[in-house]
Amino acid sequence: MKFLFVGLGSIGQRHLQNLKVMYPHSEFFACRKKKDNRIILNGEVVQTDISLEEYYNLKISSDYLKALVDIKPD
């Protein structure tokens, strides 16, 4: 299954964390324009030197319509 997230603020990250547990063999993608790499766990910002892309094993796109066409999320 393929999931596409639009934005990865605190709610987006919470949903991403839950879905990764529920569907561990799925692919996860995100569409985002900000370069903010704050990782939020249990409502707290975790300081880390890695990007959200690396931390969550995501593929990132900045173009929503292109992501829909290329990824074809479920």
Protein backbone atom coordinates (compact mmCIF):
# COMPACT_ATOMS: atom_id res chain seq x y z
CA MET A 1 0.00 0.00 0.00
CA LYS A 2 1.20 3.53 -0.74
CA PHE A 3 0.47 6.47 1.56
CA LEU A 4 0.97 10.13 0.62
CA PHE A 5 1.08 12.73 3.37
CA VAL A 6 0.52 16.40 2.65
CA GLY A 7 2.51 18.20 5.31
CA LEU A 8 4.32 16.69 8.26
CA GLY A 9 3.46 18.86 11.22
CA SER A 10 2.65 17.31 14.58
CA ILE A 11 -0.62 15.73 13.41
CA GLY A 12 0.88 14.46 10.15
CA GLN A 13 3.78 12.88 12.00
CA ARG A 14 1.42 11.28 14.52
CA HIS A 15 -0.64 9.72 11.72
CA LEU A 16 2.55 8.63 9.97
CA GLN A 17 3.86 6.93 13.12
CA ASN A 18 0.55 5.10 13.62
CA LEU A 19 0.29 3.96 10.00
CA LYS A 20 3.88 2.71 9.98
CA VAL A 21 2.95 0.43 12.90
CA MET A 22 -0.32 -0.70 11.30
CA TYR A 23 1.12 -1.19 7.79
CA PRO A 24 4.83 -1.95 8.22
CA HIS A 25 5.36 -3.19 4.65
CA SER A 26 3.85 -0.12 2.98
CA GLU A 27 5.55 2.74 1.17
CA PHE A 28 5.31 6.23 2.63
CA PHE A 29 5.62 9.50 0.73
CA ALA A 30 5.20 13.13 1.71
CA CYS A 31 4.48 16.31 -0.14
CA ARG A 32 5.96 19.28 1.66
CA LYS A 33 7.48 22.64 0.86
CA LYS A 34 9.06 23.58 4.19
CA LYS A 35 12.54 22.39 5.00
CA ASP A 36 11.68 22.09 8.72
CA ASN A 37 13.06 18.80 10.03
CA ARG A 38 11.66 18.82 13.55
CA ILE A 39 10.72 15.31 14.59
CA ILE A 40 7.81 15.21 17.00
CA LEU A 41 7.30 12.18 19.25
CA ASN A 42 4.57 12.05 21.90
CA GLY A 43 3.93 15.76 21.45
CA GLU A 44 7.56 16.71 22.12
CA VAL A 45 10.12 17.97 19.62
CA VAL A 46 13.10 15.63 19.44
CA GLN A 47 16.44 17.13 18.52
CA THR A 48 18.11 15.15 15.79
CA ASP A 49 20.67 15.69 13.08
CA ILE A 50 18.83 13.66 10.47
CA SER A 51 16.04 14.75 8.16
CA LEU A 52 12.41 13.68 8.35
CA GLU A 53 13.00 11.82 5.11
CA GLU A 54 15.73 9.71 6.71
CA TYR A 55 14.04 9.30 10.09
CA TYR A 56 10.75 8.03 8.66
CA ASN A 57 12.20 6.45 5.49
CA LEU A 58 10.08 8.68 3.24
CA LYS A 59 10.34 9.87 -0.30
CA ILE A 60 9.60 13.62 -0.44
CA SER A 61 8.07 15.69 -3.22
CA SER A 62 7.36 19.41 -3.29
CA ASP A 63 4.74 19.21 -6.06
CA TYR A 64 1.39 17.78 -4.91
CA LEU A 65 -0.13 17.13 -8.35
CA LYS A 66 3.06 15.53 -9.66
CA ALA A 67 3.22 13.34 -6.54
CA LEU A 68 -0.36 12.14 -7.13
CA VAL A 69 0.43 11.20 -10.71
CA ASP A 70 3.84 9.64 -10.06
CA ILE A 71 3.11 7.83 -6.80
CA LYS A 72 -0.54 6.85 -7.33
CA PRO A 73 -1.22 6.49 -3.58
CA ASP A 74 -3.87 4.12 -2.31
